[in-house]
Protein backbone atom coordinates (compact mmCIF):
# COMPACT_ATOMS: atom_id res chain seq x y z
CA MET A 1 -7.43 35.13 -38.82
CA ALA A 2 -10.22 35.31 -36.29
CA LYS A 3 -10.15 38.16 -33.81
CA LEU A 4 -9.69 37.31 -30.16
CA GLY A 5 -12.03 38.59 -27.48
CA VAL A 6 -11.84 38.41 -23.70
CA ARG A 7 -14.17 36.87 -21.17
CA PHE A 8 -13.92 36.04 -17.48
CA VAL A 9 -14.58 32.48 -16.31
CA CYS A 10 -15.17 31.40 -12.70
CA SER A 11 -12.63 28.81 -11.58
CA GLU A 12 -15.17 27.28 -9.17
CA CYS A 13 -18.37 26.88 -11.17
CA GLY A 14 -17.19 27.57 -14.75
CA ALA A 15 -19.69 30.37 -15.38
CA ALA A 16 -18.56 32.98 -17.96
CA GLN A 17 -19.00 36.73 -17.49
CA ALA A 18 -18.49 39.62 -19.92
CA LYS A 19 -16.52 41.71 -17.41
CA TRP A 20 -14.49 41.10 -14.28
CA MET A 21 -16.25 41.12 -10.92
CA GLY A 22 -14.96 40.58 -7.43
CA ARG A 23 -17.66 38.02 -6.74
CA CYS A 24 -19.07 35.42 -9.11
CA PRO A 25 -22.84 36.07 -9.51
CA ASP A 26 -23.52 32.35 -10.13
CA CYS A 27 -21.80 30.59 -7.22
CA GLY A 28 -21.14 33.55 -4.92
CA ARG A 29 -17.41 32.87 -4.47
CA TRP A 30 -14.99 35.79 -4.23
CA HIS A 31 -11.95 36.43 -6.48
CA THR A 32 -12.52 33.38 -8.71
CA LEU A 33 -13.02 35.07 -12.11
CA VAL A 34 -10.07 34.43 -14.44
CA GLU A 35 -9.47 36.22 -17.74
CA GLU A 36 -9.45 34.06 -20.88
CA ALA A 37 -9.14 34.79 -24.59
CA VAL A 38 -11.90 33.61 -26.93
CA GLU A 39 -12.56 33.90 -30.64
CA ALA A 40 -14.70 36.90 -31.43
CA GLY A 41 -17.57 36.51 -33.85
CA GLY A 42 -20.90 34.80 -34.17
CA PRO A 43 -21.58 31.14 -33.54
CA LYS A 44 -20.49 28.61 -36.13
CA ALA A 45 -23.09 26.96 -38.31
CA GLY A 46 -24.20 23.65 -36.85
CA ARG A 47 -23.55 20.44 -38.75
CA ALA A 48 -26.19 17.86 -39.51
CA VAL A 49 -26.75 15.40 -36.68
CA PRO A 50 -28.14 11.91 -37.38
CA ALA A 51 -31.31 10.88 -35.65
CA PRO A 52 -30.56 9.22 -32.30
CA ARG A 53 -31.46 5.57 -31.68
CA LEU A 54 -33.86 5.03 -28.80
CA VAL A 55 -33.45 1.94 -26.63
CA ARG A 56 -35.99 0.39 -24.26
CA LEU A 57 -34.77 -0.19 -20.73
CA GLU A 58 -35.48 -3.93 -20.79
CA GLU A 59 -33.33 -4.31 -23.92
CA ILE A 60 -30.14 -3.39 -22.05
CA ASP A 61 -28.06 -6.47 -21.16
CA LEU A 62 -26.28 -5.74 -17.89
CA SER A 63 -24.74 -9.21 -17.65
CA ALA A 64 -22.59 -8.57 -20.71
CA LYS A 65 -20.50 -5.91 -18.94
CA PRO A 66 -19.67 -7.02 -15.38
CA ARG A 67 -17.33 -5.13 -13.11
CA ARG A 68 -13.62 -5.63 -13.68
CA SER A 69 -11.22 -5.90 -10.78
CA THR A 70 -8.21 -3.59 -10.68
CA GLY A 71 -6.21 -6.25 -8.83
CA ILE A 72 -6.02 -3.97 -5.77
CA GLY A 73 -8.65 -4.93 -3.21
CA GLU A 74 -8.70 -1.58 -1.40
CA LEU A 75 -9.20 0.32 -4.67
CA ASP A 76 -12.01 -2.04 -5.71
CA ARG A 77 -13.67 -1.51 -2.32
CA VAL A 78 -13.80 2.28 -2.75
CA LEU A 79 -14.93 2.00 -6.39
CA GLY A 80 -17.90 -0.10 -5.28
CA GLY A 81 -16.61 -3.52 -6.37
CA GLY A 82 -14.44 -2.78 -9.40
CA LEU A 83 -14.44 -0.89 -12.69
CA VAL A 84 -17.60 -0.32 -14.74
CA ALA A 85 -17.36 -0.04 -18.52
CA GLY A 86 -17.49 3.56 -19.71
CA ALA A 87 -16.73 4.99 -16.27
CA LEU A 88 -14.91 8.32 -15.88
CA VAL A 89 -12.95 8.37 -12.60
CA LEU A 90 -11.26 11.48 -11.17
CA LEU A 91 -8.42 10.90 -8.67
CA GLY A 92 -7.12 13.85 -6.65
CA GLY A 93 -4.60 14.33 -3.87
CA ASP A 94 -1.64 16.34 -2.65
CA PRO A 95 1.58 16.30 -4.70
CA GLY A 96 3.70 13.26 -3.88
CA ILE A 97 0.91 11.42 -2.08
CA GLY A 98 1.06 8.44 -4.49
CA LYS A 99 -1.62 9.03 -7.15
CA SER A 100 0.59 8.03 -10.08
CA THR A 101 1.99 5.10 -8.12
CA LEU A 102 -1.47 3.76 -7.33
CA LEU A 103 -2.67 4.01 -10.94
CA LEU A 104 0.51 2.49 -12.34
CA GLN A 105 0.11 -0.48 -9.99
CA ALA A 106 -3.52 -0.82 -11.08
CA CYS A 107 -2.44 -0.67 -14.74
CA ALA A 108 0.08 -3.44 -14.13
CA HIS A 109 -2.64 -5.73 -12.71
CA LEU A 110 -5.10 -4.85 -15.48
CA ALA A 111 -2.53 -5.42 -18.25
CA ALA A 112 -1.55 -8.75 -16.71
CA ALA A 113 -5.23 -9.75 -16.68
CA GLY A 114 -5.52 -9.18 -20.44
CA GLU A 115 -6.78 -5.59 -20.55
CA LYS A 116 -5.35 -3.14 -23.10
CA VAL A 117 -4.05 -0.14 -21.15
CA LEU A 118 -2.89 3.28 -22.39
CA TYR A 119 -1.06 5.51 -19.90
CA ALA A 120 -0.92 9.14 -21.14
CA SER A 121 1.33 11.45 -19.15
CA GLY A 122 1.73 15.17 -19.65
CA GLU A 123 4.07 15.66 -16.69
CA GLU A 124 6.69 12.90 -16.92
CA SER A 125 8.91 11.51 -19.64
CA LEU A 126 8.94 7.92 -20.84
CA GLY A 127 12.14 7.28 -18.90
CA GLN A 128 10.67 8.54 -15.63
CA ILE A 129 7.60 6.33 -15.99
CA ALA A 130 9.79 3.34 -16.87
CA LEU A 131 11.91 3.90 -13.77
CA ARG A 132 8.83 3.99 -11.54
CA ALA A 133 7.40 0.90 -13.20
CA GLY A 134 10.70 -0.93 -12.62
CA ARG A 135 10.65 0.02 -8.94
CA LEU A 136 7.10 -1.30 -8.65
CA GLY A 137 8.02 -4.66 -10.17
CA GLY A 138 7.49 -3.98 -13.86
CA VAL A 139 4.45 -4.03 -16.13
CA ARG A 140 3.76 -6.99 -18.40
CA GLY A 141 1.03 -7.32 -21.00
CA ASP A 142 -0.64 -4.97 -23.46
CA PHE A 143 0.54 -1.73 -21.84
CA HIS A 144 1.38 1.39 -23.86
CA LEU A 145 2.79 4.79 -22.91
CA LEU A 146 2.15 8.22 -24.39
CA CYS A 147 3.94 11.42 -23.39
CA GLU A 148 1.91 14.25 -24.89
CA THR A 149 -0.01 17.39 -23.90
CA SER A 150 -2.20 17.74 -26.99
CA LEU A 151 -5.79 16.61 -26.63
CA GLU A 152 -6.05 15.93 -30.37
CA ALA A 153 -2.94 13.68 -30.25
CA LEU A 154 -4.41 11.82 -27.30
CA ALA A 155 -7.71 11.32 -29.13
CA GLN A 156 -5.88 9.95 -32.18
CA ALA A 157 -3.90 7.55 -29.99
CA VAL A 158 -7.12 6.31 -28.40
CA GLU A 159 -8.80 5.85 -31.79
CA SER A 160 -5.85 3.90 -33.20
CA SER A 161 -5.03 1.69 -30.20
CA LYS A 162 -8.59 1.31 -28.81
CA PRO A 163 -7.60 0.66 -25.16
CA THR A 164 -10.03 -0.66 -22.58
CA VAL A 165 -8.42 1.44 -19.81
CA LEU A 166 -7.01 4.96 -20.24
CA VAL A 167 -5.05 6.90 -17.60
CA VAL A 168 -4.58 10.67 -18.10
CA ASP A 169 -1.92 12.07 -15.76
CA SER A 170 -2.88 14.81 -15.32
CA VAL A 171 -5.95 16.47 -16.78
CA GLN A 172 -4.56 19.98 -16.17
CA THR A 173 -1.60 19.40 -18.50
CA PHE A 174 -3.63 18.56 -21.62
CA ALA A 175 -5.05 21.23 -23.90
CA SER A 176 -6.95 21.48 -27.17
CA GLY A 177 -5.45 23.45 -30.05
CA ASP A 178 -8.93 24.65 -31.03
CA LEU A 179 -9.11 26.86 -27.92
CA PRO A 180 -6.89 29.92 -27.41
CA SER A 181 -6.66 29.58 -23.61
CA ALA A 182 -3.65 28.09 -21.82
CA PRO A 183 -3.43 24.51 -20.49
CA GLY A 184 -4.94 24.15 -17.03
CA SER A 185 -7.43 26.97 -17.54
CA VAL A 186 -11.12 26.50 -16.80
CA THR A 187 -12.04 26.24 -20.48
CA GLN A 188 -9.29 23.74 -21.31
CA VAL A 189 -9.96 21.48 -18.31
CA ARG A 190 -13.64 21.39 -19.13
CA GLU A 191 -12.99 20.69 -22.82
CA VAL A 192 -10.58 17.84 -22.03
CA ALA A 193 -13.04 16.26 -19.61
CA VAL A 194 -15.96 16.54 -22.04
CA ARG A 195 -14.00 15.02 -24.94
CA LEU A 196 -12.72 12.14 -22.83
CA MET A 197 -16.19 11.53 -21.40
CA ALA A 198 -17.58 11.24 -24.93
CA LEU A 199 -14.85 8.73 -25.84
CA ALA A 200 -15.49 6.69 -22.69
CA LYS A 201 -19.26 6.51 -23.11
CA SER A 202 -19.14 5.67 -26.81
CA SER A 203 -16.50 2.93 -26.57
CA GLY A 204 -16.99 1.51 -23.06
CA MET A 205 -13.42 2.48 -22.16
CA VAL A 206 -12.62 3.20 -18.49
CA VAL A 207 -10.87 6.58 -18.06
CA PHE A 208 -8.85 7.63 -15.01
CA LEU A 209 -8.18 11.37 -14.69
CA VAL A 210 -5.52 12.59 -12.26
CA GLY A 211 -6.39 16.03 -10.87
CA HIS A 212 -4.39 18.63 -8.99
CA VAL A 213 -5.55 20.01 -5.64
CA THR A 214 -5.53 23.51 -4.20
CA LYS A 215 -3.88 24.67 -0.97
CA ASP A 216 -7.15 23.96 0.84
CA GLY A 217 -7.08 20.33 -0.31
CA ALA A 218 -9.96 20.72 -2.80
CA LEU A 219 -9.73 19.52 -6.39
CA ALA A 220 -8.42 22.25 -8.66
CA GLY A 221 -10.44 23.38 -11.65
CA PRO A 222 -14.13 24.20 -12.01
CA ARG A 223 -16.76 22.26 -10.09
CA VAL A 224 -18.22 21.25 -13.44
CA LEU A 225 -15.32 18.77 -13.69
CA GLU A 226 -16.61 16.93 -10.62
CA HIS A 227 -20.13 16.98 -12.05
CA LEU A 228 -19.00 15.44 -15.36
CA VAL A 229 -17.15 12.43 -13.97
CA ASP A 230 -18.82 9.33 -12.54
CA THR A 231 -16.54 8.87 -9.53
CA VAL A 232 -14.41 11.30 -7.53
CA LEU A 233 -11.64 9.70 -5.45
CA THR A 234 -9.44 11.57 -2.98
CA PHE A 235 -6.08 10.28 -1.79
CA GLU A 236 -5.37 11.52 1.75
CA GLY A 237 -2.38 11.33 4.07
CA GLU A 238 0.95 12.96 4.82
CA ARG A 239 3.81 12.61 2.35
CA HIS A 240 6.25 11.99 5.22
CA GLN A 241 4.12 9.21 6.73
CA ALA A 242 3.59 5.71 5.38
CA PHE A 243 -0.19 5.63 5.92
CA ARG A 244 -2.54 6.58 3.04
CA MET A 245 -6.35 6.72 2.86
CA LEU A 246 -8.51 6.58 -0.27
CA ARG A 247 -12.07 7.94 -0.11
CA ALA A 248 -14.87 8.50 -2.60
CA SER A 249 -16.78 11.79 -2.40
CA LYS A 250 -18.95 10.83 -5.39
CA ASN A 251 -19.71 7.43 -6.91
CA ARG A 252 -22.48 6.72 -9.40
CA PHE A 253 -21.78 2.98 -9.24
CA GLY A 254 -21.56 2.48 -5.47
CA GLY A 255 -21.52 4.09 -2.05
CA THR A 256 -19.27 6.84 -0.75
CA GLN A 257 -18.82 5.48 2.78
CA GLU A 258 -16.03 3.02 2.04
CA LEU A 259 -12.41 3.69 2.98
CA GLY A 260 -9.32 2.23 1.33
CA LEU A 261 -6.17 1.94 3.43
CA PHE A 262 -2.63 1.74 2.03
CA GLU A 263 0.91 1.74 3.35
CA MET A 264 3.69 3.31 1.30
CA VAL A 265 6.66 0.92 1.16
CA GLU A 266 9.75 0.76 -1.03
CA SER A 267 7.99 -1.35 -3.66
CA GLY A 268 4.94 0.93 -3.89
CA LEU A 269 1.57 1.09 -2.17
CA LYS A 270 0.68 -1.96 -0.12
CA PRO A 271 -3.00 -2.51 0.81
CA VAL A 272 -3.58 -2.71 4.58
CA GLU A 273 -5.66 -5.82 5.19
CA SER A 274 -5.98 -5.65 9.01
CA ALA A 275 -6.57 -1.93 9.43
CA SER A 276 -7.59 -2.17 13.11
CA GLU A 277 -4.23 -3.61 14.13
CA TYR A 278 -2.50 -0.86 12.17
CA LEU A 279 -4.54 1.95 13.74
CA LEU A 280 -4.32 0.75 17.34
CA ALA A 281 -1.28 2.35 18.92
CA ARG A 282 -1.27 0.25 22.09
CA SER A 283 -3.38 -2.80 21.13
CA GLY A 284 -5.71 -2.45 24.11
CA ARG A 285 -3.15 -1.68 26.84
CA SER A 286 -4.46 0.96 29.22
CA ALA A 287 -2.90 4.41 29.29
CA GLU A 288 -4.01 7.65 30.87
CA GLY A 289 -5.99 9.82 28.46
CA CYS A 290 -6.64 7.03 25.92
CA ALA A 291 -9.80 5.18 24.92
CA VAL A 292 -10.56 2.69 22.14
CA LEU A 293 -13.69 2.80 19.96
CA VAL A 294 -14.98 0.76 17.04
CA ALA A 295 -15.70 3.13 14.15
CA MET A 296 -17.58 2.17 11.00
CA GLU A 297 -16.16 3.22 7.63
CA GLY A 298 -18.79 1.99 5.20
CA THR A 299 -19.12 -1.73 5.84
CA ARG A 300 -15.73 -2.02 7.57
CA PRO A 301 -15.35 -1.83 11.38
CA LEU A 302 -12.11 -0.18 12.53
CA LEU A 303 -10.70 -0.09 16.04
CA VAL A 304 -9.29 3.37 16.66
CA GLU A 305 -7.54 4.89 19.67
CA VAL A 306 -8.56 8.37 20.80
CA GLN A 307 -5.95 10.29 22.80
CA SER A 308 -6.51 13.32 25.01
CA LEU A 309 -4.32 15.63 27.08
CA VAL A 310 -5.94 17.87 29.71
CA THR A 311 -3.69 20.31 31.60
CA PRO A 312 -4.34 23.39 33.77
CA SER A 313 -4.55 26.54 31.70
CA HIS A 314 -1.99 29.29 32.32
CA TYR A 315 -3.75 31.82 30.07
CA GLY A 316 -6.96 33.76 30.37
CA THR A 317 -8.77 31.62 27.79
CA PRO A 318 -8.20 27.85 27.83
CA GLN A 319 -6.85 26.35 24.61
CA ARG A 320 -8.89 23.86 22.60
CA ALA A 321 -7.20 21.90 19.80
CA SER A 322 -8.11 18.70 17.96
CA ASN A 323 -6.83 16.44 15.20
CA GLY A 324 -9.26 14.05 13.53
CA VAL A 325 -12.39 15.20 15.42
CA ASP A 326 -14.78 18.03 14.55
CA PRO A 327 -13.95 21.01 16.85
CA TYR A 328 -17.61 22.06 17.08
CA ARG A 329 -18.63 18.56 18.18
CA LEU A 330 -15.88 18.64 20.82
CA ASN A 331 -17.15 21.93 22.25
CA VAL A 332 -20.60 20.36 22.64
CA LEU A 333 -19.07 17.37 24.45
CA TYR A 334 -17.08 19.63 26.76
CA ALA A 335 -20.28 21.48 27.70
CA VAL A 336 -22.11 18.19 28.38
CA LEU A 337 -19.24 16.91 30.56
CA GLU A 338 -19.24 20.12 32.60
CA LYS A 339 -23.03 20.37 32.96
CA ARG A 340 -24.06 16.71 33.35
CA VAL A 341 -20.97 15.09 34.90
CA GLY A 342 -19.37 18.02 36.73
CA LEU A 343 -15.92 17.93 35.13
CA ALA A 344 -14.11 21.26 35.57
CA LEU A 345 -12.86 21.74 32.03
CA TYR A 346 -13.35 25.51 32.00
CA SER A 347 -9.94 26.04 33.62
CA HIS A 348 -8.01 23.47 31.58
CA ASP A 349 -6.45 23.24 28.14
CA VAL A 350 -7.88 20.27 26.25
CA PHE A 351 -6.17 18.56 23.30
CA VAL A 352 -7.74 15.62 21.44
CA SER A 353 -6.17 13.52 18.68
CA VAL A 354 -7.02 10.33 16.78
CA ALA A 355 -4.13 7.89 16.42
CA GLY A 356 -3.21 6.83 12.90
CA GLY A 357 -4.40 9.99 11.14
CA LEU A 358 -8.01 8.84 10.74
CA ARG A 359 -10.82 11.39 10.89
CA LEU A 360 -13.90 10.45 12.93
CA GLU A 361 -17.08 11.54 11.16
CA GLU A 362 -19.77 9.55 12.99
CA ALA A 363 -21.36 10.58 16.30
CA ALA A 364 -20.82 7.08 17.76
CA SER A 365 -17.30 8.21 18.72
CA ASP A 366 -18.65 10.60 21.38
CA LEU A 367 -18.35 8.17 24.28
CA ALA A 368 -14.73 7.27 23.56
CA VAL A 369 -13.75 10.94 23.19
CA ALA A 370 -15.51 11.84 26.46
CA ALA A 371 -13.85 8.92 28.28
CA ALA A 372 -10.40 9.93 27.00
CA VAL A 373 -10.91 13.52 28.20
CA ALA A 374 -12.19 12.38 31.60
CA SER A 375 -9.32 9.89 31.92
CA SER A 376 -6.71 12.59 31.34
CA LEU A 377 -8.41 15.03 33.73
CA LYS A 378 -8.80 12.45 36.50
CA GLY A 379 -5.40 10.87 35.93
CA ARG A 380 -6.98 7.40 35.76
CA ALA A 381 -6.66 5.14 32.74
CA VAL A 382 -9.56 3.36 31.08
CA PRO A 383 -9.37 -0.30 32.21
CA ASP A 384 -7.65 -2.84 29.98
CA GLY A 385 -9.68 -4.57 27.27
CA TRP A 386 -12.56 -2.06 27.04
CA VAL A 387 -14.05 -0.63 23.84
CA LEU A 388 -16.53 2.23 23.94
CA CYS A 389 -19.21 3.14 21.44
CA GLY A 390 -22.17 5.50 21.61
CA GLU A 391 -23.51 8.96 20.78
CA ILE A 392 -23.93 11.44 23.64
CA GLY A 393 -26.95 13.74 23.56
CA LEU A 394 -27.19 17.22 25.06
CA GLY A 395 -28.88 15.79 28.14
CA GLY A 396 -26.01 13.38 28.72
CA GLU A 397 -28.04 10.39 27.49
CA LEU A 398 -26.31 7.68 25.48
CA ARG A 399 -27.78 6.79 22.10
CA PRO A 400 -27.12 3.51 20.25
CA ALA A 401 -24.63 3.08 17.41
CA ARG A 402 -25.54 1.38 14.15
CA GLN A 403 -24.30 -2.15 13.42
CA ALA A 404 -23.29 -2.73 17.03
CA GLU A 405 -22.94 -6.49 16.55
CA LEU A 406 -20.48 -6.05 13.69
CA ARG A 407 -18.43 -3.63 15.79
CA LEU A 408 -18.21 -6.03 18.74
CA ARG A 409 -17.26 -8.92 16.48
CA GLU A 410 -14.20 -6.95 15.30
CA ALA A 411 -13.31 -5.97 18.90
CA ALA A 412 -13.54 -9.59 20.04
CA ARG A 413 -11.31 -10.69 17.15
CA LEU A 414 -8.54 -8.42 18.43
CA GLY A 415 -8.82 -9.65 22.02
CA PHE A 416 -11.02 -7.05 23.71
CA LYS A 417 -13.14 -8.50 26.53
CA ARG A 418 -15.67 -5.80 27.49
CA ALA A 419 -17.71 -3.25 25.56
CA LEU A 420 -19.62 -0.22 26.83
CA LEU A 421 -22.75 0.51 24.78
CA ALA A 422 -26.07 2.35 24.95
CA ARG A 423 -28.88 0.42 26.64
CA GLU A 424 -31.01 0.30 23.47
CA ASP A 425 -28.28 -1.69 21.67
CA ALA A 426 -29.26 -4.84 23.59
CA LYS A 427 -32.54 -5.05 21.64
CA SER A 428 -30.79 -5.46 18.29
CA MET A 429 -28.04 -7.86 19.40
CA ALA A 430 -29.37 -11.39 19.64
CA ARG A 431 -26.08 -13.33 19.52
CA LEU A 432 -24.04 -11.54 22.18
CA GLY A 433 -22.95 -14.76 23.84
CA ALA A 434 -21.33 -16.08 20.65
CA LEU A 435 -19.22 -12.96 20.14
CA GLY A 436 -16.82 -13.71 22.99
CA ILE A 437 -17.11 -10.23 24.48
CA ALA A 438 -19.11 -9.01 27.50
CA ALA A 439 -21.34 -6.04 26.68
CA VAL A 440 -22.24 -3.53 29.39
CA PHE A 441 -25.27 -1.35 28.64
CA VAL A 442 -25.67 2.06 30.26
CA GLN A 443 -28.25 4.84 30.10
CA ASP A 444 -26.11 7.99 30.15
CA VAL A 445 -22.51 9.20 30.23
CA GLU A 446 -22.45 9.50 34.03
CA GLU A 447 -23.41 5.84 34.40
CA ALA A 448 -20.77 4.95 31.81
CA PHE A 449 -18.05 6.66 33.87
CA ARG A 450 -19.20 4.75 36.99
CA GLU A 451 -18.74 1.48 35.10
CA LEU A 452 -15.23 2.48 34.01
CA TRP A 453 -14.16 3.91 37.38
CA PRO A 454 -16.33 2.38 40.15
CA ASN A 455 -14.55 4.23 42.95
C-alpha cells in the first residue's frame, strides 16, 4: 500500500506548497492553504501517447455544429445565443436561488427537442428530482437520471449512454477514487472539472456544472475551476423575492454584458419578457426623491427607477448608504453637487437605492441619481414623464451615453414624453422625430436641474 504524504493547497489559486503558510506565495491571499493527503513516492511512468493529428484552420466546418437553443430565451441570451457543442458551463449562486430549477427546466426543453440528456445529482435522490420535475410540468423525451458521487461511475454512465447534454449537480459532491482527498477539496474539484472537460471536448457534449458559492458570493473552489470552463454564469437575487438575475462573468462564445431576468413562480422560473415594466415601481408617476433612467444591460435597454432619501443628520458624521449603486461613485456625485450646484449635503444623511434589485454599473446613471438626491433634498418631485441619462464629470459637465437612440425608443414605448440628455447626444441621433419623445439637451448638471425645476 502506498504511503500517504501531506501537502497544502490554496483554495483560491490551486497552488500546492510543501508546508503551511499564512499567506499563499502565488496569489497573495491569506489563510487559504488547506491540508490534503497525497500518495508519497516518485512519479508514475508515463504511458505511450499516440501522435496527435494536426488540422488546418480552413478544414474546420463550423456550419455542421450550430448553436442549440435551451428553450429558455433569457438563458440563451446570456449564453450568447444558445449552446455550443463541447462547451463547459459553470453555474453558481446562493443556496435556494433556483440553479437546479433552471437547469431542470432547460433539460426538459432540450429533451423535448430530441436531445439526449443525462442529469447527474450528488445532492438529491431520484425521488426528490422526480418531485421537482413534476412540479415544473414533467420531463418528456430521452432524459435520464443518475444519483452518484463517484467520478468513475459518472464517466462510465457517460460512455455507455453518450448524452449530448450533461448536468452535474453539483461539482463539489463528486470525487475520484484515485485521489485520497475528500470530496469538495481543491484537488477533487479540479480533477472532476478536468475529466469532464476532456469528455466534453472529445465528444462534443455540452456539460453544465453547478457550483457552490462562499459567504462573499464568490464561486467556491480554486480559481483554476473558472479558468477551465468556457462560460461562468452567476444566478443573483434574494431567496425571499421573486426576481432573479442571470449574468455571465466569462463567456468564450459571446459577450458578458447581457442580463437574463426571471421571476420565480409556483411552476418554476418564468422568463421576464418586458423587464422595464417589471423594474419600474411607479410607471413614470412623479414622486419626491425618485428619478427614472434608461440603463443598458448588453443590448437590452431597461427603464429603472432610482430612489433617494435625504434627511437632516442628527449625528456628528452624516450617514451614507446605498443599494445597487457604487458607494465610491456616489461620494464623487455628492461632492460635485455640493461644489458645482450648491446643494448642502454635508449636513444631511443620504440614502440611495435602485428599485427592483438591479445594480447600476454604467456611468450613464449619474444624472438620474443626482436628480433623485436633489429632488429629495428640495422636496420637489421630478416632473411626470421624464427619463434622465448622462454621465456627470468632476466639473459638473454632462457627457453622452452610448446607444442613446435605443434608450429613447424603449422610453417612448412605455409612454415617457421627455428625455434629458447630454448636448453631444444630438449629433448621433438622426431620427429623433420618429421616436415619439421630446429630447432636451443640456451642457451640465446645473442646466439639467433648471430644466427639471424652472423656478
